[in-house]
Amino acid sequence: MRIEVDADLCQGHAACEMEAPEVFSVPKHGTVEILDTDPSESLRPSVENAVKFCPTRALRMSESEGDQ
């Protein structure tokens, strides 16, 4: 899986960091930083929740070529 962010939409709520701190970091008064753009499959549930609970829908998850 691959993670992408639309930085223009991110408002720094940090819901993603709460769901998947191994993958996302949100500095105080900043926008999300993706720590791992291609996380392991074991993190899929937490990454899916991070995408689902993002209040501004700034995150997107897609399948990477190796996953298909």
N, C-alpha and C. Protein backbone atom coordinates (compact mmCIF):
# COMPACT_ATOMS: atom_id res chain seq x y z
N MET A 1 0.84 -1.18 0.00
CA MET A 1 0.00 0.00 0.00
C MET A 1 0.88 1.24 0.00
N ARG A 2 0.37 2.28 -0.59
CA ARG A 2 1.06 3.58 -0.60
C ARG A 2 0.15 4.63 0.03
N ILE A 3 0.76 5.57 0.71
CA ILE A 3 0.03 6.64 1.38
C ILE A 3 0.38 7.96 0.68
N GLU A 4 -0.65 8.74 0.43
CA GLU A 4 -0.45 10.06 -0.17
C GLU A 4 -1.23 11.08 0.66
N VAL A 5 -0.73 12.31 0.66
CA VAL A 5 -1.40 13.39 1.39
C VAL A 5 -1.59 14.59 0.47
N ASP A 6 -2.72 15.23 0.62
CA ASP A 6 -2.97 16.51 -0.04
C ASP A 6 -2.71 17.58 1.02
N ALA A 7 -1.52 18.15 0.98
CA ALA A 7 -1.10 19.10 2.01
C ALA A 7 -1.99 20.33 2.05
N ASP A 8 -2.63 20.65 0.94
CA ASP A 8 -3.54 21.80 0.92
C ASP A 8 -4.79 21.56 1.76
N LEU A 9 -5.17 20.29 1.91
CA LEU A 9 -6.36 19.96 2.70
C LEU A 9 -6.04 19.75 4.18
N CYS A 10 -4.82 19.33 4.48
CA CYS A 10 -4.46 19.02 5.86
C CYS A 10 -4.51 20.28 6.73
N GLN A 11 -5.17 20.14 7.88
CA GLN A 11 -5.27 21.26 8.83
C GLN A 11 -4.57 20.94 10.15
N GLY A 12 -3.85 19.82 10.20
CA GLY A 12 -3.08 19.49 11.38
C GLY A 12 -3.86 18.98 12.57
N HIS A 13 -5.00 18.33 12.33
CA HIS A 13 -5.81 17.80 13.44
C HIS A 13 -5.14 16.64 14.16
N ALA A 14 -4.24 15.92 13.49
CA ALA A 14 -3.45 14.82 14.04
C ALA A 14 -4.24 13.54 14.32
N ALA A 15 -5.43 13.41 13.76
CA ALA A 15 -6.18 12.16 13.91
C ALA A 15 -5.38 11.00 13.33
N CYS A 16 -4.67 11.24 12.24
CA CYS A 16 -3.88 10.19 11.60
C CYS A 16 -2.76 9.73 12.53
N GLU A 17 -2.11 10.67 13.18
CA GLU A 17 -1.01 10.32 14.09
C GLU A 17 -1.53 9.51 15.27
N MET A 18 -2.72 9.82 15.74
CA MET A 18 -3.30 9.05 16.85
C MET A 18 -3.60 7.62 16.40
N GLU A 19 -4.02 7.43 15.17
CA GLU A 19 -4.36 6.10 14.66
C GLU A 19 -3.12 5.29 14.27
N ALA A 20 -2.13 5.95 13.67
CA ALA A 20 -0.96 5.23 13.15
C ALA A 20 0.31 6.05 13.37
N PRO A 21 0.79 6.15 14.61
CA PRO A 21 1.96 6.98 14.89
C PRO A 21 3.25 6.49 14.23
N GLU A 22 3.26 5.23 13.79
CA GLU A 22 4.44 4.69 13.09
C GLU A 22 4.53 5.24 11.68
N VAL A 23 3.41 5.73 11.17
CA VAL A 23 3.33 6.15 9.77
C VAL A 23 3.20 7.66 9.62
N PHE A 24 2.53 8.32 10.59
CA PHE A 24 2.24 9.74 10.47
C PHE A 24 2.77 10.53 11.66
N SER A 25 3.21 11.75 11.38
CA SER A 25 3.62 12.69 12.42
C SER A 25 3.04 14.05 12.06
N VAL A 26 2.47 14.71 13.05
CA VAL A 26 1.91 16.04 12.82
C VAL A 26 2.55 16.99 13.84
N PRO A 27 3.48 17.82 13.36
CA PRO A 27 4.11 18.78 14.28
C PRO A 27 3.11 19.83 14.74
N LYS A 28 3.35 20.39 15.89
CA LYS A 28 2.47 21.42 16.42
C LYS A 28 2.37 22.57 15.41
N HIS A 29 1.16 22.95 15.08
CA HIS A 29 0.88 24.04 14.12
C HIS A 29 1.44 23.72 12.73
N GLY A 30 1.42 22.44 12.36
CA GLY A 30 1.93 22.07 11.05
C GLY A 30 0.99 21.12 10.34
N THR A 31 1.44 20.62 9.21
CA THR A 31 0.67 19.63 8.46
C THR A 31 1.35 18.28 8.58
N VAL A 32 0.62 17.26 8.23
CA VAL A 32 1.08 15.88 8.40
C VAL A 32 2.37 15.62 7.63
N GLU A 33 3.23 14.85 8.26
CA GLU A 33 4.42 14.33 7.61
C GLU A 33 4.25 12.82 7.56
N ILE A 34 4.45 12.25 6.40
CA ILE A 34 4.34 10.79 6.27
C ILE A 34 5.72 10.21 6.54
N LEU A 35 5.81 9.43 7.60
CA LEU A 35 7.08 8.83 8.00
C LEU A 35 7.42 7.61 7.15
N ASP A 36 6.39 6.95 6.65
CA ASP A 36 6.58 5.73 5.85
C ASP A 36 5.53 5.73 4.75
N THR A 37 5.92 6.08 3.52
CA THR A 37 4.96 6.17 2.42
C THR A 37 4.52 4.81 1.91
N ASP A 38 5.24 3.76 2.28
CA ASP A 38 4.92 2.41 1.84
C ASP A 38 5.00 1.46 3.04
N PRO A 39 4.06 1.61 4.00
CA PRO A 39 4.14 0.84 5.24
C PRO A 39 3.87 -0.65 5.03
N SER A 40 4.30 -1.42 6.00
CA SER A 40 4.10 -2.87 5.93
C SER A 40 2.62 -3.21 6.05
N GLU A 41 2.30 -4.37 5.56
CA GLU A 41 0.91 -4.86 5.55
C GLU A 41 0.34 -4.96 6.97
N SER A 42 1.20 -5.20 7.95
CA SER A 42 0.73 -5.33 9.34
C SER A 42 0.13 -4.02 9.87
N LEU A 43 0.48 -2.91 9.23
CA LEU A 43 -0.05 -1.61 9.67
C LEU A 43 -1.32 -1.20 8.93
N ARG A 44 -1.79 -2.05 8.01
CA ARG A 44 -2.96 -1.70 7.20
C ARG A 44 -4.18 -1.27 8.03
N PRO A 45 -4.58 -2.00 9.06
CA PRO A 45 -5.77 -1.57 9.82
C PRO A 45 -5.64 -0.17 10.41
N SER A 46 -4.48 0.14 10.97
CA SER A 46 -4.33 1.47 11.57
C SER A 46 -4.24 2.56 10.50
N VAL A 47 -3.62 2.26 9.35
CA VAL A 47 -3.55 3.24 8.26
C VAL A 47 -4.94 3.47 7.68
N GLU A 48 -5.72 2.40 7.52
CA GLU A 48 -7.09 2.55 7.02
C GLU A 48 -7.90 3.44 7.96
N ASN A 49 -7.72 3.27 9.27
CA ASN A 49 -8.43 4.12 10.23
C ASN A 49 -7.96 5.56 10.14
N ALA A 50 -6.67 5.76 9.95
CA ALA A 50 -6.14 7.12 9.82
C ALA A 50 -6.77 7.82 8.62
N VAL A 51 -6.87 7.12 7.50
CA VAL A 51 -7.49 7.69 6.30
C VAL A 51 -8.98 7.95 6.56
N LYS A 52 -9.63 6.98 7.17
CA LYS A 52 -11.08 7.08 7.42
C LYS A 52 -11.42 8.23 8.35
N PHE A 53 -10.62 8.45 9.37
CA PHE A 53 -10.95 9.44 10.40
C PHE A 53 -10.33 10.81 10.16
N CYS A 54 -9.63 10.99 9.05
CA CYS A 54 -9.09 12.31 8.74
C CYS A 54 -10.25 13.28 8.50
N PRO A 55 -10.40 14.32 9.32
CA PRO A 55 -11.57 15.19 9.20
C PRO A 55 -11.62 15.99 7.89
N THR A 56 -10.49 16.18 7.24
CA THR A 56 -10.48 16.96 6.00
C THR A 56 -10.27 16.09 4.76
N ARG A 57 -10.20 14.77 4.96
CA ARG A 57 -10.00 13.83 3.84
C ARG A 57 -8.71 14.14 3.06
N ALA A 58 -7.66 14.50 3.79
CA ALA A 58 -6.38 14.86 3.17
C ALA A 58 -5.53 13.64 2.82
N LEU A 59 -5.90 12.48 3.35
CA LEU A 59 -5.09 11.27 3.13
C LEU A 59 -5.74 10.34 2.12
N ARG A 60 -4.88 9.64 1.40
CA ARG A 60 -5.37 8.64 0.44
C ARG A 60 -4.44 7.42 0.51
N MET A 61 -5.03 6.27 0.43
CA MET A 61 -4.28 5.02 0.45
C MET A 61 -4.55 4.32 -0.88
N SER A 62 -3.48 3.81 -1.49
CA SER A 62 -3.62 3.05 -2.73
C SER A 62 -2.71 1.83 -2.66
N GLU A 63 -2.93 0.91 -3.55
CA GLU A 63 -2.09 -0.29 -3.58
C GLU A 63 -0.82 0.03 -4.36
N SER A 64 0.31 -0.34 -3.79
CA SER A 64 1.57 -0.18 -4.50
C SER A 64 1.74 -1.32 -5.48
N GLU A 65 2.61 -1.17 -6.45
CA GLU A 65 2.76 -2.18 -7.49
C GLU A 65 3.12 -3.54 -6.93
N GLY A 66 3.88 -3.59 -5.87
CA GLY A 66 4.28 -4.87 -5.27
C GLY A 66 3.14 -5.57 -4.57
N ASP A 67 2.06 -4.86 -4.26
CA ASP A 67 0.92 -5.44 -3.53
C ASP A 67 -0.08 -6.11 -4.45
N GLN A 68 0.04 -5.89 -5.76
CA GLN A 68 -0.98 -6.39 -6.66
C GLN A 68 -0.63 -7.73 -7.23
